[in-house]
Amino acid sequence: KFCIDCAKFTADGNRFIVGSKFHRHFFYHDLL
C-alpha cells in the first residue's frame, strides 16, 4: 500500500530509498 513516486540509491550504493506523494513516511532497503 505504498505508491512509489521517487526512488534513489544512496551515494555509497548500499541502500536505496523510496518515497510517495501519499505518505509522509518513507522506506529504505539495505542491500547488504
All heavy atoms as atom14 arrays in JSON, in Angstrom:
{
  "sequence": "KFCIDCAKFTADGNRFIVGSKFHRHFFYHDLL",
  "atom14_mask": [
    [1, 1, 1, 1, 1, 1, 1, 1, 1, 0, 0, 0, 0, 0],
    [1, 1, 1, 1, 1, 1, 1, 1, 1, 1, 1, 0, 0, 0],
    [1, 1, 1, 1, 1, 1, 0, 0, 0, 0, 0, 0, 0, 0],
    [1, 1, 1, 1, 1, 1, 1, 1, 0, 0, 0, 0, 0, 0],
    [1, 1, 1, 1, 1, 1, 1, 1, 0, 0, 0, 0, 0, 0],
    [1, 1, 1, 1, 1, 1, 0, 0, 0, 0, 0, 0, 0, 0],
    [1, 1, 1, 1, 1, 0, 0, 0, 0, 0, 0, 0, 0, 0],
    [1, 1, 1, 1, 1, 1, 1, 1, 1, 0, 0, 0, 0, 0],
    [1, 1, 1, 1, 1, 1, 1, 1, 1, 1, 1, 0, 0, 0],
    [1, 1, 1, 1, 1, 1, 1, 0, 0, 0, 0, 0, 0, 0],
    [1, 1, 1, 1, 1, 0, 0, 0, 0, 0, 0, 0, 0, 0],
    [1, 1, 1, 1, 1, 1, 1, 1, 0, 0, 0, 0, 0, 0],
    [1, 1, 1, 1, 0, 0, 0, 0, 0, 0, 0, 0, 0, 0],
    [1, 1, 1, 1, 1, 1, 1, 1, 0, 0, 0, 0, 0, 0],
    [1, 1, 1, 1, 1, 1, 1, 1, 1, 1, 1, 0, 0, 0],
    [1, 1, 1, 1, 1, 1, 1, 1, 1, 1, 1, 0, 0, 0],
    [1, 1, 1, 1, 1, 1, 1, 1, 0, 0, 0, 0, 0, 0],
    [1, 1, 1, 1, 1, 1, 1, 0, 0, 0, 0, 0, 0, 0],
    [1, 1, 1, 1, 0, 0, 0, 0, 0, 0, 0, 0, 0, 0],
    [1, 1, 1, 1, 1, 1, 0, 0, 0, 0, 0, 0, 0, 0],
    [1, 1, 1, 1, 1, 1, 1, 1, 1, 0, 0, 0, 0, 0],
    [1, 1, 1, 1, 1, 1, 1, 1, 1, 1, 1, 0, 0, 0],
    [1, 1, 1, 1, 1, 1, 1, 1, 1, 1, 0, 0, 0, 0],
    [1, 1, 1, 1, 1, 1, 1, 1, 1, 1, 1, 0, 0, 0],
    [1, 1, 1, 1, 1, 1, 1, 1, 1, 1, 0, 0, 0, 0],
    [1, 1, 1, 1, 1, 1, 1, 1, 1, 1, 1, 0, 0, 0],
    [1, 1, 1, 1, 1, 1, 1, 1, 1, 1, 1, 0, 0, 0],
    [1, 1, 1, 1, 1, 1, 1, 1, 1, 1, 1, 1, 0, 0],
    [1, 1, 1, 1, 1, 1, 1, 1, 1, 1, 0, 0, 0, 0],
    [1, 1, 1, 1, 1, 1, 1, 1, 0, 0, 0, 0, 0, 0],
    [1, 1, 1, 1, 1, 1, 1, 1, 0, 0, 0, 0, 0, 0],
    [1, 1, 1, 1, 1, 1, 1, 1, 0, 0, 0, 0, 0, 0]
  ],
  "atom14_positions": [
    [[0.83, -1.21, 0.0], [0.0, 0.0, 0.0], [0.86, 1.26, 0.0], [0.61, 2.23, 0.73], [-0.94, 0.01, 1.2], [-1.96, -1.11, 1.19], [-2.89, -1.03, 2.38], [-3.91, -2.15, 2.36], [-4.84, -2.08, 3.52], [0.0, 0.0, 0.0], [0.0, 0.0, 0.0], [0.0, 0.0, 0.0], [0.0, 0.0, 0.0], [0.0, 0.0, 0.0]],
    [[1.88, 1.24, -0.85], [2.81, 2.36, -0.91], [3.1, 2.64, -2.38], [3.9, 1.93, -3.02], [4.09, 2.04, -0.14], [4.99, 3.23, 0.09], [4.76, 4.09, 1.15], [6.06, 3.47, -0.75], [5.6, 5.18, 1.37], [6.9, 4.56, -0.54], [6.66, 5.42, 0.53], [0.0, 0.0, 0.0], [0.0, 0.0, 0.0], [0.0, 0.0, 0.0]],
    [[2.44, 3.65, -2.93], [2.64, 4.02, -4.33], [3.94, 4.81, -4.46], [4.06, 5.91, -3.91], [1.45, 4.87, -4.81], [1.59, 5.44, -6.51], [0.0, 0.0, 0.0], [0.0, 0.0, 0.0], [0.0, 0.0, 0.0], [0.0, 0.0, 0.0], [0.0, 0.0, 0.0], [0.0, 0.0, 0.0], [0.0, 0.0, 0.0], [0.0, 0.0, 0.0]],
    [[4.9, 4.25, -5.16], [6.24, 4.85, -5.24], [6.26, 5.95, -6.3], [5.9, 5.73, -7.46], [7.3, 3.79, -5.56], [7.34, 2.73, -4.46], [8.67, 4.43, -5.73], [8.29, 1.59, -4.74], [0.0, 0.0, 0.0], [0.0, 0.0, 0.0], [0.0, 0.0, 0.0], [0.0, 0.0, 0.0], [0.0, 0.0, 0.0], [0.0, 0.0, 0.0]],
    [[6.68, 7.15, -5.89], [6.83, 8.28, -6.81], [8.29, 8.65, -7.05], [8.59, 9.34, -8.02], [6.1, 9.51, -6.26], [4.6, 9.4, -6.43], [4.11, 9.69, -7.53], [3.93, 9.02, -5.46], [0.0, 0.0, 0.0], [0.0, 0.0, 0.0], [0.0, 0.0, 0.0], [0.0, 0.0, 0.0], [0.0, 0.0, 0.0], [0.0, 0.0, 0.0]],
    [[9.18, 8.22, -6.17], [10.59, 8.56, -6.31], [11.42, 7.47, -5.65], [11.04, 6.95, -4.58], [10.88, 9.92, -5.66], [12.53, 10.56, -5.99], [0.0, 0.0, 0.0], [0.0, 0.0, 0.0], [0.0, 0.0, 0.0], [0.0, 0.0, 0.0], [0.0, 0.0, 0.0], [0.0, 0.0, 0.0], [0.0, 0.0, 0.0], [0.0, 0.0, 0.0]],
    [[12.54, 7.11, -6.27], [13.45, 6.11, -5.73], [14.87, 6.49, -6.1], [15.15, 6.83, -7.25], [13.1, 4.71, -6.25], [0.0, 0.0, 0.0], [0.0, 0.0, 0.0], [0.0, 0.0, 0.0], [0.0, 0.0, 0.0], [0.0, 0.0, 0.0], [0.0, 0.0, 0.0], [0.0, 0.0, 0.0], [0.0, 0.0, 0.0], [0.0, 0.0, 0.0]],
    [[15.78, 6.4, -5.12], [17.17, 6.79, -5.34], [18.1, 5.84, -4.58], [17.77, 5.36, -3.49], [17.43, 8.22, -4.81], [16.58, 9.3, -5.44], [17.05, 9.66, -6.84], [16.23, 10.82, -7.4], [16.65, 11.16, -8.78], [0.0, 0.0, 0.0], [0.0, 0.0, 0.0], [0.0, 0.0, 0.0], [0.0, 0.0, 0.0], [0.0, 0.0, 0.0]],
    [[19.27, 5.58, -5.18], [20.35, 4.92, -4.46], [21.05, 5.92, -3.57], [21.13, 7.13, -3.89], [21.38, 4.33, -5.45], [20.98, 3.02, -6.05], [20.62, 2.95, -7.38], [20.97, 1.86, -5.29], [20.28, 1.73, -7.95], [20.62, 0.65, -5.85], [20.27, 0.58, -7.18], [0.0, 0.0, 0.0], [0.0, 0.0, 0.0], [0.0, 0.0, 0.0]],
    [[21.59, 5.47, -2.45], [22.44, 6.33, -1.64], [23.79, 6.48, -2.34], [24.11, 5.76, -3.29], [22.64, 5.74, -0.24], [23.16, 4.4, -0.35], [21.31, 5.7, 0.52], [0.0, 0.0, 0.0], [0.0, 0.0, 0.0], [0.0, 0.0, 0.0], [0.0, 0.0, 0.0], [0.0, 0.0, 0.0], [0.0, 0.0, 0.0], [0.0, 0.0, 0.0]],
    [[24.61, 7.42, -1.88], [25.88, 7.72, -2.55], [26.82, 6.53, -2.55], [27.56, 6.31, -3.51], [26.55, 8.93, -1.89], [0.0, 0.0, 0.0], [0.0, 0.0, 0.0], [0.0, 0.0, 0.0], [0.0, 0.0, 0.0], [0.0, 0.0, 0.0], [0.0, 0.0, 0.0], [0.0, 0.0, 0.0], [0.0, 0.0, 0.0], [0.0, 0.0, 0.0]],
    [[26.81, 5.72, -1.47], [27.7, 4.56, -1.41], [27.1, 3.32, -2.08], [27.79, 2.32, -2.25], [28.06, 4.23, 0.05], [26.82, 4.0, 0.92], [25.69, 3.91, 0.37], [26.97, 3.93, 2.14], [0.0, 0.0, 0.0], [0.0, 0.0, 0.0], [0.0, 0.0, 0.0], [0.0, 0.0, 0.0], [0.0, 0.0, 0.0], [0.0, 0.0, 0.0]],
    [[25.83, 3.38, -2.46], [25.18, 2.27, -3.15], [24.75, 1.13, -2.26], [24.28, 0.1, -2.77], [0.0, 0.0, 0.0], [0.0, 0.0, 0.0], [0.0, 0.0, 0.0], [0.0, 0.0, 0.0], [0.0, 0.0, 0.0], [0.0, 0.0, 0.0], [0.0, 0.0, 0.0], [0.0, 0.0, 0.0], [0.0, 0.0, 0.0], [0.0, 0.0, 0.0]],
    [[24.86, 1.28, -0.95], [24.48, 0.19, -0.04], [22.98, 0.14, 0.23], [22.47, -0.87, 0.71], [25.22, 0.32, 1.29], [26.72, 0.12, 1.13], [27.16, -0.57, 0.21], [27.5, 0.74, 2.01], [0.0, 0.0, 0.0], [0.0, 0.0, 0.0], [0.0, 0.0, 0.0], [0.0, 0.0, 0.0], [0.0, 0.0, 0.0], [0.0, 0.0, 0.0]],
    [[22.27, 1.22, -0.07], [20.83, 1.28, 0.18], [20.14, 1.95, -1.0], [20.77, 2.65, -1.8], [20.52, 2.09, 1.45], [21.14, 1.59, 2.72], [20.85, 2.56, 3.87], [21.42, 2.12, 5.13], [21.36, 2.81, 6.26], [20.73, 3.99, 6.27], [21.89, 2.35, 7.37], [0.0, 0.0, 0.0], [0.0, 0.0, 0.0], [0.0, 0.0, 0.0]],
    [[18.83, 1.76, -1.08], [18.01, 2.6, -1.94], [16.8, 3.06, -1.13], [16.29, 2.35, -0.26], [17.61, 1.91, -3.25], [16.66, 0.76, -3.12], [15.28, 0.96, -3.0], [17.13, -0.55, -3.14], [14.4, -0.1, -2.91], [16.26, -1.62, -3.03], [14.89, -1.4, -2.93], [0.0, 0.0, 0.0], [0.0, 0.0, 0.0], [0.0, 0.0, 0.0]],
    [[16.34, 4.3, -1.44], [15.27, 4.95, -0.7], [14.08, 5.14, -1.63], [14.25, 5.5, -2.8], [15.74, 6.31, -0.15], [17.02, 6.15, 0.65], [14.65, 6.95, 0.72], [17.71, 7.47, 0.98], [0.0, 0.0, 0.0], [0.0, 0.0, 0.0], [0.0, 0.0, 0.0], [0.0, 0.0, 0.0], [0.0, 0.0, 0.0], [0.0, 0.0, 0.0]],
    [[12.87, 4.89, -1.13], [11.65, 5.09, -1.92], [10.72, 6.03, -1.16], [10.61, 5.97, 0.07], [10.94, 3.75, -2.22], [11.8, 2.87, -3.1], [10.57, 3.01, -0.94], [0.0, 0.0, 0.0], [0.0, 0.0, 0.0], [0.0, 0.0, 0.0], [0.0, 0.0, 0.0], [0.0, 0.0, 0.0], [0.0, 0.0, 0.0], [0.0, 0.0, 0.0]],
    [[10.05, 6.92, -1.91], [9.11, 7.85, -1.32], [7.82, 7.92, -2.11], [7.77, 7.51, -3.28], [0.0, 0.0, 0.0], [0.0, 0.0, 0.0], [0.0, 0.0, 0.0], [0.0, 0.0, 0.0], [0.0, 0.0, 0.0], [0.0, 0.0, 0.0], [0.0, 0.0, 0.0], [0.0, 0.0, 0.0], [0.0, 0.0, 0.0], [0.0, 0.0, 0.0]],
    [[6.76, 8.46, -1.5], [5.45, 8.53, -2.13], [4.81, 9.89, -1.85], [5.07, 10.52, -0.81], [4.54, 7.42, -1.59], [3.23, 7.56, -2.08], [0.0, 0.0, 0.0], [0.0, 0.0, 0.0], [0.0, 0.0, 0.0], [0.0, 0.0, 0.0], [0.0, 0.0, 0.0], [0.0, 0.0, 0.0], [0.0, 0.0, 0.0], [0.0, 0.0, 0.0]],
    [[3.94, 10.33, -2.78], [3.24, 11.59, -2.59], [2.04, 11.45, -1.66], [1.44, 12.46, -1.26], [2.77, 12.14, -3.93], [1.77, 11.26, -4.65], [1.4, 11.87, -5.98], [0.43, 10.97, -6.76], [0.09, 11.55, -8.08], [0.0, 0.0, 0.0], [0.0, 0.0, 0.0], [0.0, 0.0, 0.0], [0.0, 0.0, 0.0], [0.0, 0.0, 0.0]],
    [[1.69, 10.22, -1.3], [0.53, 9.99, -0.43], [0.91, 9.75, 1.02], [0.03, 9.6, 1.87], [-0.28, 8.78, -0.94], [-0.83, 8.96, -2.32], [-0.36, 8.21, -3.38], [-1.83, 9.89, -2.57], [-0.86, 8.36, -4.65], [-2.34, 10.06, -3.84], [-1.86, 9.3, -4.89], [0.0, 0.0, 0.0], [0.0, 0.0, 0.0], [0.0, 0.0, 0.0]],
    [[2.2, 9.68, 1.31], [2.63, 9.35, 2.68], [3.78, 10.27, 3.1], [4.63, 10.62, 2.29], [3.08, 7.89, 2.78], [2.04, 6.92, 2.34], [0.99, 6.51, 3.15], [1.87, 6.27, 1.15], [0.24, 5.64, 2.49], [0.75, 5.49, 1.27], [0.0, 0.0, 0.0], [0.0, 0.0, 0.0], [0.0, 0.0, 0.0], [0.0, 0.0, 0.0]],
    [[3.79, 10.61, 4.39], [4.88, 11.4, 4.94], [6.06, 10.54, 5.35], [7.17, 11.05, 5.49], [4.39, 12.22, 6.15], [3.85, 11.36, 7.28], [3.33, 12.19, 8.44], [4.39, 12.97, 9.07], [4.36, 14.29, 9.18], [3.35, 14.98, 8.68], [5.33, 14.93, 9.79], [0.0, 0.0, 0.0], [0.0, 0.0, 0.0], [0.0, 0.0, 0.0]],
    [[5.83, 9.26, 5.53], [6.94, 8.36, 5.86], [7.55, 7.81, 4.56], [6.95, 7.91, 3.49], [6.46, 7.2, 6.75], [5.47, 6.3, 6.1], [4.11, 6.52, 6.15], [5.63, 5.18, 5.34], [3.47, 5.58, 5.47], [4.4, 4.75, 4.97], [0.0, 0.0, 0.0], [0.0, 0.0, 0.0], [0.0, 0.0, 0.0], [0.0, 0.0, 0.0]],
    [[8.72, 7.21, 4.68], [9.38, 6.6, 3.52], [10.11, 5.35, 3.99], [10.18, 5.05, 5.18], [10.33, 7.6, 2.84], [11.45, 8.11, 3.71], [12.7, 7.51, 3.7], [11.26, 9.22, 4.53], [13.73, 7.97, 4.49], [12.28, 9.7, 5.33], [13.52, 9.07, 5.31], [0.0, 0.0, 0.0], [0.0, 0.0, 0.0], [0.0, 0.0, 0.0]],
    [[10.66, 4.62, 3.04], [11.37, 3.37, 3.33], [12.77, 3.42, 2.73], [13.0, 4.07, 1.71], [10.63, 2.16, 2.74], [9.29, 1.9, 3.35], [8.14, 2.5, 2.83], [9.14, 1.04, 4.44], [6.9, 2.25, 3.37], [7.9, 0.79, 4.99], [6.78, 1.39, 4.45], [0.0, 0.0, 0.0], [0.0, 0.0, 0.0], [0.0, 0.0, 0.0]],
    [[13.67, 2.69, 3.38], [14.96, 2.41, 2.75], [15.24, 0.91, 2.88], [14.85, 0.28, 3.86], [16.1, 3.25, 3.36], [16.53, 2.86, 4.75], [17.46, 1.84, 4.96], [16.05, 3.54, 5.87], [17.88, 1.49, 6.23], [16.45, 3.21, 7.15], [17.37, 2.18, 7.32], [17.77, 1.82, 8.59], [0.0, 0.0, 0.0], [0.0, 0.0, 0.0]],
    [[15.87, 0.38, 1.86], [16.19, -1.05, 1.83], [17.69, -1.23, 1.83], [18.39, -0.69, 0.96], [15.58, -1.71, 0.59], [15.82, -3.19, 0.52], [15.08, -4.1, 1.25], [16.73, -3.92, -0.18], [15.51, -5.32, 0.99], [16.52, -5.24, 0.12], [0.0, 0.0, 0.0], [0.0, 0.0, 0.0], [0.0, 0.0, 0.0], [0.0, 0.0, 0.0]],
    [[18.2, -1.96, 2.82], [19.63, -2.24, 2.93], [19.96, -3.43, 2.04], [19.48, -4.54, 2.27], [19.99, -2.53, 4.39], [21.5, -2.5, 4.62], [22.23, -3.03, 3.77], [21.93, -1.96, 5.65], [0.0, 0.0, 0.0], [0.0, 0.0, 0.0], [0.0, 0.0, 0.0], [0.0, 0.0, 0.0], [0.0, 0.0, 0.0], [0.0, 0.0, 0.0]],
    [[20.8, -3.21, 1.02], [21.12, -4.27, 0.08], [22.02, -5.33, 0.69], [21.94, -6.51, 0.33], [21.8, -3.67, -1.16], [20.98, -2.67, -1.97], [21.8, -2.14, -3.14], [19.7, -3.3, -2.48], [0.0, 0.0, 0.0], [0.0, 0.0, 0.0], [0.0, 0.0, 0.0], [0.0, 0.0, 0.0], [0.0, 0.0, 0.0], [0.0, 0.0, 0.0]],
    [[22.9, -4.93, 1.6], [23.82, -5.89, 2.2], [23.11, -6.78, 3.21], [23.33, -8.0, 3.25], [24.98, -5.15, 2.88], [25.82, -4.25, 1.95], [26.93, -3.56, 2.75], [26.42, -5.07, 0.82], [0.0, 0.0, 0.0], [0.0, 0.0, 0.0], [0.0, 0.0, 0.0], [0.0, 0.0, 0.0], [0.0, 0.0, 0.0], [0.0, 0.0, 0.0]]
  ]
}
